N, C-alpha and C. Protein backbone atom coordinates (compact mmCIF):
# COMPACT_ATOMS: atom_id res chain seq x y z
N MET A 1 24.59 -8.87 -10.37
CA MET A 1 24.75 -8.16 -9.32
C MET A 1 23.89 -6.69 -9.33
N ILE A 2 22.85 -6.45 -7.61
CA ILE A 2 22.12 -5.74 -7.77
C ILE A 2 23.20 -4.31 -7.36
N ALA A 3 22.55 -3.39 -8.17
CA ALA A 3 23.04 -2.12 -8.21
C ALA A 3 23.01 -1.32 -6.47
N GLN A 4 23.70 -0.98 -5.63
CA GLN A 4 23.71 -0.67 -4.17
C GLN A 4 22.82 0.05 -3.95
N GLU A 5 22.51 1.23 -5.05
CA GLU A 5 21.37 2.33 -4.94
C GLU A 5 20.00 1.71 -4.96
N ASN A 6 19.87 0.39 -5.30
CA ASN A 6 18.78 -0.29 -5.73
C ASN A 6 18.47 -0.92 -4.15
N GLN A 7 18.90 -1.07 -3.13
CA GLN A 7 19.22 -1.79 -1.56
C GLN A 7 18.58 -0.98 -0.73
N ILE A 8 17.22 -1.29 -0.03
CA ILE A 8 16.72 -0.89 0.66
C ILE A 8 17.85 -1.03 1.89
N LYS A 9 18.25 0.29 2.62
CA LYS A 9 19.49 0.48 3.62
C LYS A 9 18.79 0.42 5.22
N SER A 10 17.69 0.71 5.05
CA SER A 10 17.09 0.68 6.77
C SER A 10 15.33 0.74 6.26
N LYS A 11 15.16 0.76 7.77
CA LYS A 11 13.53 1.14 7.79
C LYS A 11 12.84 2.56 7.55
N GLU A 12 13.59 3.73 7.70
CA GLU A 12 13.60 5.11 7.58
C GLU A 12 14.20 5.03 5.58
N HIS A 13 14.73 4.64 5.53
CA HIS A 13 14.97 4.59 4.20
C HIS A 13 13.88 3.97 3.32
N LEU A 14 13.08 3.28 3.66
CA LEU A 14 11.91 2.83 3.15
C LEU A 14 10.54 3.79 3.05
N ARG A 15 10.75 3.94 4.72
CA ARG A 15 9.81 5.03 4.93
C ARG A 15 9.69 6.17 3.62
N GLU A 16 10.81 6.68 3.26
CA GLU A 16 11.30 7.98 2.28
C GLU A 16 10.66 7.09 1.18
N LEU A 17 11.13 6.06 0.60
CA LEU A 17 10.96 5.80 -0.36
C LEU A 17 9.45 5.52 -0.69
N TRP A 18 8.55 5.05 0.55
CA TRP A 18 7.23 4.60 0.58
C TRP A 18 6.21 6.01 0.11
N THR A 19 6.62 6.87 1.01
CA THR A 19 6.17 8.43 0.78
C THR A 19 5.94 9.32 -0.26
N GLU A 20 7.31 8.90 -0.31
CA GLU A 20 7.36 9.65 -2.10
C GLU A 20 6.51 9.39 -3.01
N ILE A 21 6.12 8.21 -2.74
CA ILE A 21 4.74 7.44 -4.25
C ILE A 21 3.97 8.04 -4.15
N TYR A 22 3.58 8.83 -2.94
CA TYR A 22 1.97 9.55 -2.60
C TYR A 22 2.22 11.05 -2.38
N ASN A 23 2.24 11.35 -4.01
CA ASN A 23 2.82 13.28 -3.45
C ASN A 23 1.27 14.10 -3.16
N THR A 24 1.55 14.89 -2.85
CA THR A 24 0.25 15.97 -3.04
C THR A 24 -0.18 17.22 -4.55
N GLU A 25 0.68 16.87 -4.88
CA GLU A 25 0.12 17.40 -6.34
C GLU A 25 0.03 16.29 -7.64
N GLY A 26 -1.25 15.90 -7.72
CA GLY A 26 -0.88 15.03 -9.17
C GLY A 26 -1.14 13.49 -8.20
N LYS A 27 -0.93 12.45 -9.62
CA LYS A 27 -0.66 11.39 -9.56
C LYS A 27 0.15 10.47 -8.45
N PRO A 28 -0.22 9.58 -7.84
CA PRO A 28 1.10 8.55 -7.06
C PRO A 28 1.69 8.55 -8.50
N ASP A 29 3.35 7.81 -8.11
CA ASP A 29 4.65 7.64 -8.82
C ASP A 29 5.31 6.28 -8.62
N TRP A 30 5.27 5.28 -8.46
CA TRP A 30 5.70 4.16 -8.31
C TRP A 30 7.54 4.34 -9.06
N SER A 31 7.78 5.08 -9.85
CA SER A 31 8.86 4.86 -10.92
C SER A 31 10.45 4.96 -10.19
N HIS A 32 10.21 5.75 -8.48
CA HIS A 32 11.51 5.84 -8.05
C HIS A 32 12.10 4.68 -7.37
N ILE A 33 10.63 4.35 -7.07
CA ILE A 33 10.90 2.50 -5.80
C ILE A 33 10.36 1.16 -6.88
N ILE A 34 10.21 1.03 -7.68
CA ILE A 34 10.10 -0.33 -8.40
C ILE A 34 11.55 -0.86 -8.78
N PRO A 35 12.94 -0.08 -8.91
CA PRO A 35 14.21 -0.68 -8.67
C PRO A 35 14.47 -1.35 -7.19
N TYR A 36 13.43 -0.89 -6.31
CA TYR A 36 13.98 -1.91 -4.91
C TYR A 36 12.74 -3.13 -4.98
N TYR A 37 12.29 -3.83 -6.34
CA TYR A 37 11.57 -4.81 -6.04
C TYR A 37 12.39 -5.92 -6.75
N ASP A 38 12.58 -6.88 -6.12
CA ASP A 38 12.98 -7.89 -6.91
C ASP A 38 11.85 -8.39 -7.75
N GLU A 39 12.55 -8.62 -9.01
CA GLU A 39 12.17 -9.46 -10.78
C GLU A 39 11.31 -9.94 -10.02
N ASN A 40 11.43 -11.37 -8.93
CA ASN A 40 10.30 -11.87 -8.71
C ASN A 40 9.12 -11.72 -7.71
N ILE A 41 8.35 -10.44 -7.00
CA ILE A 41 7.88 -9.89 -6.52
C ILE A 41 6.45 -10.87 -6.01
N HIS A 42 6.58 -10.93 -4.87
CA HIS A 42 5.38 -11.32 -4.39
C HIS A 42 4.52 -10.41 -3.55
N PHE A 43 3.48 -9.93 -3.98
CA PHE A 43 2.20 -9.20 -3.61
C PHE A 43 0.85 -10.05 -2.91
N GLN A 44 0.51 -9.16 -2.32
CA GLN A 44 -0.84 -9.62 -1.77
C GLN A 44 -1.85 -8.13 -0.86
N ASP A 45 -2.79 -8.79 -1.59
CA ASP A 45 -3.54 -7.49 -0.30
C ASP A 45 -5.06 -8.24 -0.42
N THR A 46 -5.71 -7.45 0.13
CA THR A 46 -7.09 -7.93 0.13
C THR A 46 -7.98 -7.91 -1.18
N VAL A 47 -7.33 -7.67 -2.53
CA VAL A 47 -8.17 -7.84 -3.59
C VAL A 47 -7.15 -8.77 -4.33
N GLN A 48 -6.25 -8.70 -4.10
CA GLN A 48 -5.39 -9.62 -5.14
C GLN A 48 -4.28 -9.97 -5.13
N GLU A 49 -3.57 -11.13 -5.77
CA GLU A 49 -2.22 -11.73 -5.23
C GLU A 49 -1.34 -11.81 -6.69
N ILE A 50 -0.44 -10.98 -6.39
CA ILE A 50 0.45 -10.94 -7.70
C ILE A 50 1.98 -11.57 -7.69
N ASN A 51 2.33 -11.81 -8.70
CA ASN A 51 3.50 -12.53 -8.92
C ASN A 51 4.62 -12.07 -10.25
N GLY A 52 5.41 -11.70 -9.56
CA GLY A 52 6.79 -10.74 -10.66
C GLY A 52 6.25 -9.18 -10.98
N ILE A 53 7.63 -8.86 -11.10
CA ILE A 53 7.62 -7.66 -11.74
C ILE A 53 6.32 -6.94 -12.43
N GLN A 54 6.70 -7.66 -13.19
CA GLN A 54 5.33 -7.24 -14.70
C GLN A 54 4.22 -6.71 -13.77
N GLU A 55 3.67 -7.70 -13.11
CA GLU A 55 2.30 -7.80 -12.69
C GLU A 55 2.15 -7.01 -11.78
N PHE A 56 3.14 -6.55 -11.27
CA PHE A 56 3.35 -5.40 -10.16
C PHE A 56 3.26 -4.28 -10.37
N LYS A 57 4.11 -3.71 -11.71
CA LYS A 57 3.79 -2.46 -12.24
C LYS A 57 2.55 -2.18 -13.02
N GLU A 58 2.11 -3.47 -13.29
CA GLU A 58 0.68 -3.16 -14.09
C GLU A 58 -0.53 -2.75 -12.85
N MET A 59 -0.35 -3.41 -11.87
CA MET A 59 -1.53 -2.89 -10.83
C MET A 59 -1.00 -1.89 -10.61
N THR A 60 0.47 -1.16 -10.31
CA THR A 60 0.18 0.08 -9.99
C THR A 60 -0.54 1.08 -10.91
N GLU A 61 -0.33 0.72 -12.55
CA GLU A 61 -0.84 1.62 -13.49
C GLU A 61 -2.03 1.97 -13.13
N ARG A 62 -3.12 0.79 -12.94
CA ARG A 62 -4.18 0.26 -12.68
C ARG A 62 -4.25 1.06 -11.55
N LEU A 63 -4.04 1.60 -10.00
CA LEU A 63 -4.02 2.06 -9.40
C LEU A 63 -4.38 3.68 -9.52
N VAL A 64 -3.53 4.21 -10.02
CA VAL A 64 -2.90 5.37 -11.03
C VAL A 64 -3.91 5.66 -11.87
N GLU A 65 -4.38 4.84 -12.36
CA GLU A 65 -5.59 5.35 -13.42
C GLU A 65 -7.01 5.46 -13.07
N ARG A 66 -7.22 4.96 -11.91
CA ARG A 66 -8.48 4.26 -11.11
C ARG A 66 -8.83 6.01 -9.96
N SER A 67 -7.81 6.21 -9.64
CA SER A 67 -7.76 7.33 -8.26
C SER A 67 -7.52 8.75 -8.48
N GLU A 68 -8.21 9.49 -8.11
CA GLU A 68 -8.28 10.79 -8.43
C GLU A 68 -6.95 11.71 -7.67
N ASN A 69 -7.33 11.09 -6.58
CA ASN A 69 -5.93 12.02 -5.96
C ASN A 69 -5.68 10.66 -4.56
N LEU A 70 -4.86 10.17 -4.52
CA LEU A 70 -4.58 9.21 -3.24
C LEU A 70 -2.97 9.98 -2.82
N GLN A 71 -3.30 10.22 -1.25
CA GLN A 71 -1.96 10.48 -0.32
C GLN A 71 -1.56 9.10 0.78
N MET A 72 -0.73 9.02 1.14
CA MET A 72 -0.02 8.41 2.30
C MET A 72 0.00 9.15 3.15
N ASN A 73 -0.36 8.08 4.63
CA ASN A 73 1.02 8.97 5.89
C ASN A 73 1.31 7.58 6.43
N VAL A 74 2.59 7.31 6.40
CA VAL A 74 3.10 6.02 7.38
C VAL A 74 3.35 6.85 8.57
N LYS A 75 2.84 6.00 9.58
CA LYS A 75 2.30 6.29 10.63
C LYS A 75 3.67 6.08 11.75
N ASN A 76 4.20 4.15 11.16
CA ASN A 76 5.43 3.50 12.23
C ASN A 76 5.97 2.83 11.25
N VAL A 77 6.86 2.67 11.38
CA VAL A 77 7.74 1.28 10.70
C VAL A 77 8.43 0.57 11.60
N LEU A 78 8.30 -0.56 11.48
CA LEU A 78 8.70 -1.28 12.73
C LEU A 78 9.77 -2.74 11.80
N GLN A 79 11.23 -3.08 12.64
CA GLN A 79 12.19 -3.90 11.59
C GLN A 79 12.18 -5.39 12.50
N GLU A 80 12.69 -6.27 11.83
CA GLU A 80 13.02 -7.00 12.81
C GLU A 80 13.95 -7.71 11.87
N ASN A 81 14.57 -8.11 11.56
CA ASN A 81 15.56 -8.76 10.62
C ASN A 81 14.90 -8.58 9.39
N ASN A 82 15.27 -9.42 8.61
CA ASN A 82 14.65 -8.71 6.70
C ASN A 82 13.09 -8.25 6.55
N VAL A 83 12.29 -8.13 7.92
CA VAL A 83 11.37 -8.19 7.45
C VAL A 83 10.50 -6.20 8.31
N MET A 84 10.04 -5.67 7.52
CA MET A 84 9.56 -4.43 7.70
C MET A 84 8.27 -4.39 8.05
N PHE A 85 7.77 -4.13 9.39
CA PHE A 85 5.98 -3.68 8.82
C PHE A 85 5.78 -2.36 9.23
N LEU A 86 4.90 -1.76 8.21
CA LEU A 86 3.96 -0.28 7.96
C LEU A 86 3.13 -0.32 8.34
N GLU A 87 2.71 0.80 9.64
CA GLU A 87 1.28 1.26 9.87
C GLU A 87 0.91 2.17 8.78
N TRP A 88 0.02 2.73 8.42
CA TRP A 88 -0.25 3.92 7.46
C TRP A 88 -1.63 4.02 7.18
N GLU A 89 -1.92 5.12 6.70
CA GLU A 89 -3.21 5.63 6.35
C GLU A 89 -2.99 6.37 5.39
N MET A 90 -4.06 5.26 4.20
CA MET A 90 -4.35 5.72 2.79
C MET A 90 -5.53 6.74 2.71
N THR A 91 -5.66 8.19 2.26
CA THR A 91 -6.87 8.71 1.63
C THR A 91 -6.49 8.68 0.56
N LEU A 92 -7.86 8.52 -0.36
CA LEU A 92 -8.26 8.40 -2.05
C LEU A 92 -9.35 9.03 -2.25
N SER A 93 -9.35 9.07 -3.46
CA SER A 93 -11.16 9.52 -3.93
C SER A 93 -11.22 8.62 -5.09
N PHE A 94 -12.27 8.24 -5.49
CA PHE A 94 -12.59 7.45 -6.89
C PHE A 94 -13.46 8.80 -7.74
N LYS A 95 -13.28 8.54 -8.54
CA LYS A 95 -14.42 9.58 -10.00
C LYS A 95 -15.67 9.95 -8.78
N LYS A 96 -15.99 11.15 -8.52
CA LYS A 96 -16.78 11.89 -8.25
C LYS A 96 -17.12 11.30 -6.82
N ARG A 97 -16.65 10.84 -5.89
CA ARG A 97 -16.66 10.53 -4.59
C ARG A 97 -15.96 11.27 -3.47
N PRO A 98 -16.86 11.70 -2.41
CA PRO A 98 -15.94 11.78 -1.34
C PRO A 98 -14.42 11.23 -1.01
N ASN A 99 -13.25 12.05 -0.65
CA ASN A 99 -12.04 11.44 -0.19
C ASN A 99 -12.76 10.40 1.12
N SER A 100 -11.78 9.06 1.11
CA SER A 100 -12.10 8.12 1.92
C SER A 100 -10.73 7.87 2.57
N THR A 101 -10.40 7.53 4.10
CA THR A 101 -9.48 7.28 4.75
C THR A 101 -9.19 5.19 4.91
N ILE A 102 -8.48 4.96 4.60
CA ILE A 102 -8.16 3.47 4.22
C ILE A 102 -7.37 3.55 5.75
N TYR A 103 -7.19 2.36 6.55
CA TYR A 103 -6.08 2.20 7.32
C TYR A 103 -5.93 0.88 7.08
N GLY A 104 -4.75 0.95 7.42
CA GLY A 104 -3.35 -0.35 7.20
C GLY A 104 -2.39 -0.95 7.27
N ALA A 105 -1.86 -1.41 6.73
CA ALA A 105 -0.21 -2.06 7.21
C ALA A 105 -0.02 -3.03 6.36
N SER A 106 1.32 -2.90 5.97
CA SER A 106 1.87 -3.55 4.73
C SER A 106 3.16 -4.43 6.04
N ARG A 107 3.27 -5.64 5.57
CA ARG A 107 4.56 -6.47 6.17
C ARG A 107 5.44 -6.66 4.60
N VAL A 108 6.66 -6.25 4.68
CA VAL A 108 7.80 -6.17 3.69
C VAL A 108 8.45 -7.10 4.03
N THR A 109 8.98 -8.34 2.93
CA THR A 109 10.12 -9.29 3.67
C THR A 109 11.37 -8.72 2.32
N LEU A 110 12.92 -8.28 2.87
CA LEU A 110 13.64 -7.90 2.14
C LEU A 110 14.16 -9.40 1.47
N ASN A 111 14.79 -9.59 0.06
CA ASN A 111 15.73 -10.73 0.04
C ASN A 111 17.46 -10.60 0.47
N ASP A 112 17.96 -11.00 0.11
CA ASP A 112 19.46 -11.30 1.07
C ASP A 112 20.16 -10.56 -0.22
N VAL A 113 19.77 -9.26 -0.99
CA VAL A 113 20.78 -8.58 -1.49
C VAL A 113 19.38 -7.18 -0.73
N ASN A 114 18.87 -7.38 0.12
CA ASN A 114 18.04 -5.95 0.60
C ASN A 114 16.44 -5.48 -0.29
N GLN A 115 15.88 -5.95 -1.19
CA GLN A 115 15.06 -5.78 -2.64
C GLN A 115 13.92 -6.42 -1.60
N ILE A 116 12.70 -5.90 -2.39
CA ILE A 116 11.45 -6.63 -1.73
C ILE A 116 10.85 -7.76 -2.49
N ILE A 117 11.34 -8.97 -1.79
CA ILE A 117 10.50 -10.27 -2.41
C ILE A 117 8.86 -10.68 -1.79
N ASP A 118 8.58 -9.68 -1.05
CA ASP A 118 7.05 -10.22 -0.81
C ASP A 118 6.72 -8.92 -0.04
N GLN A 119 5.22 -8.50 -0.33
CA GLN A 119 5.02 -7.72 0.13
C GLN A 119 3.13 -8.22 0.57
N HIS A 120 2.85 -8.03 1.88
CA HIS A 120 1.01 -8.57 1.88
C HIS A 120 0.74 -7.07 2.67
N ASP A 121 -0.39 -6.67 2.06
CA ASP A 121 -1.07 -5.55 2.59
C ASP A 121 -2.44 -6.08 3.24
N TYR A 122 -2.39 -5.25 4.20
CA TYR A 122 -3.56 -5.63 5.24
C TYR A 122 -4.02 -4.16 5.33
N TYR A 123 -5.63 -4.44 5.17
CA TYR A 123 -6.63 -3.36 5.46
C TYR A 123 -8.31 -3.90 5.03
N ASP A 124 -8.69 -2.66 6.05
CA ASP A 124 -10.16 -3.46 5.49
C ASP A 124 -11.11 -2.28 4.40
N LEU A 125 -10.86 -2.54 3.13
CA LEU A 125 -11.12 -1.97 2.03
C LEU A 125 -12.47 -1.26 2.65
N TRP A 126 -13.67 -2.11 2.12
CA TRP A 126 -14.59 -1.85 1.97
C TRP A 126 -15.76 -1.04 3.39
N GLY A 127 -14.74 -2.03 4.41
CA GLY A 127 -15.47 -1.24 5.95
C GLY A 127 -14.91 0.59 5.74
N ASP A 128 -13.91 0.44 5.86
CA ASP A 128 -13.56 2.23 5.71
C ASP A 128 -13.91 3.13 4.66
N ILE A 129 -14.35 2.46 3.47
CA ILE A 129 -14.95 3.22 2.11
C ILE A 129 -16.45 3.69 2.80
N PHE A 130 -16.79 2.76 2.91
CA PHE A 130 -18.56 2.81 3.62
C PHE A 130 -19.00 3.69 4.67
N ASP A 131 -17.91 3.66 5.48
CA ASP A 131 -18.15 5.08 6.60
C ASP A 131 -18.24 5.79 6.29
N ASN A 132 -17.68 6.62 5.19
CA ASN A 132 -17.89 7.75 4.41
C ASN A 132 -19.15 8.01 3.46
N ILE A 133 -20.01 7.19 3.63
CA ILE A 133 -21.53 7.05 2.89
C ILE A 133 -22.06 7.09 4.03
N PRO A 134 -23.11 8.36 4.00
CA PRO A 134 -23.73 8.64 4.91
C PRO A 134 -24.98 7.63 4.97
N LYS A 135 -25.16 7.33 6.01
CA LYS A 135 -26.31 6.52 6.98
C LYS A 135 -25.62 5.32 6.73
N PHE A 136 -25.16 4.84 5.53
CA PHE A 136 -24.91 3.46 4.85
C PHE A 136 -24.02 2.99 6.07
N GLY A 137 -22.70 3.51 6.42
CA GLY A 137 -21.83 3.33 7.05
C GLY A 137 -21.91 2.73 8.12
N LYS A 138 -22.81 3.42 9.00
CA LYS A 138 -23.87 2.84 10.17
C LYS A 138 -24.57 1.83 10.07
N MET A 139 -24.91 1.82 8.94
CA MET A 139 -25.50 0.13 9.13
C MET A 139 -24.76 -0.80 8.65
N TYR A 140 -23.81 -0.64 7.98
CA TYR A 140 -22.76 -1.48 7.68
C TYR A 140 -22.27 -1.99 8.70
N ARG A 141 -21.65 -1.14 9.71
CA ARG A 141 -20.95 -1.32 10.85
C ARG A 141 -21.67 -2.35 12.20
N LYS A 142 -23.02 -2.04 12.06
CA LYS A 142 -23.88 -2.39 12.62
C LYS A 142 -24.56 -3.96 12.37
N PHE A 143 -24.51 -4.05 10.85
CA PHE A 143 -24.44 -5.59 10.21
C PHE A 143 -23.27 -5.99 10.75
N MET A 144 -21.82 -5.41 10.55
CA MET A 144 -20.71 -6.21 10.97
C MET A 144 -20.87 -6.78 12.27
N LYS A 145 -21.29 -6.24 13.24
CA LYS A 145 -21.16 -6.69 14.81
C LYS A 145 -21.84 -7.51 15.23
N LYS A 146 -23.58 -7.62 14.34
CA LYS A 146 -24.16 -8.19 14.65
C LYS A 146 -23.84 -9.59 14.19
N LYS A 147 -23.08 -10.27 12.90
CA LYS A 147 -22.66 -11.18 12.36
C LYS A 147 -21.91 -11.54 12.59
N PHE A 148 -20.59 -10.54 12.96
CA PHE A 148 -18.83 -10.71 13.18
C PHE A 148 -18.48 -11.09 14.91
N GLY A 149 -19.51 -10.02 15.43
CA GLY A 149 -18.78 -8.85 16.57
C GLY A 149 -19.45 -9.49 17.99
């Protein structure tokens, strides 16, 4: 049986947990939210697809190792039944690079005991990073508009 304290209680509770990952001093820390993920978590974003809590923990550790500064601003949280959507802005910097803001959203699905069983993050990683590189960002957007717009 899952302990009551390891269950997502509301969209406000999820926002609070999510925001606490990304503090303003030091590296992000997932230790307080990991117990809210199901052992069989399925995670997917534009870079990777992960199955299982161990792979998920390893992914969070890689992100901490790579980033110098990581902050999250959760703009909105919507819920319908056991699915929640979070709209967010993530500001990060990689070694010796300026800060970049990535705009995205996450779809989080809760299982029958209100733990996160599925998380899919949606964002334009390269576009948002390239926008912060002088001249290159404009060329990238021009190319994208020409080819896909």
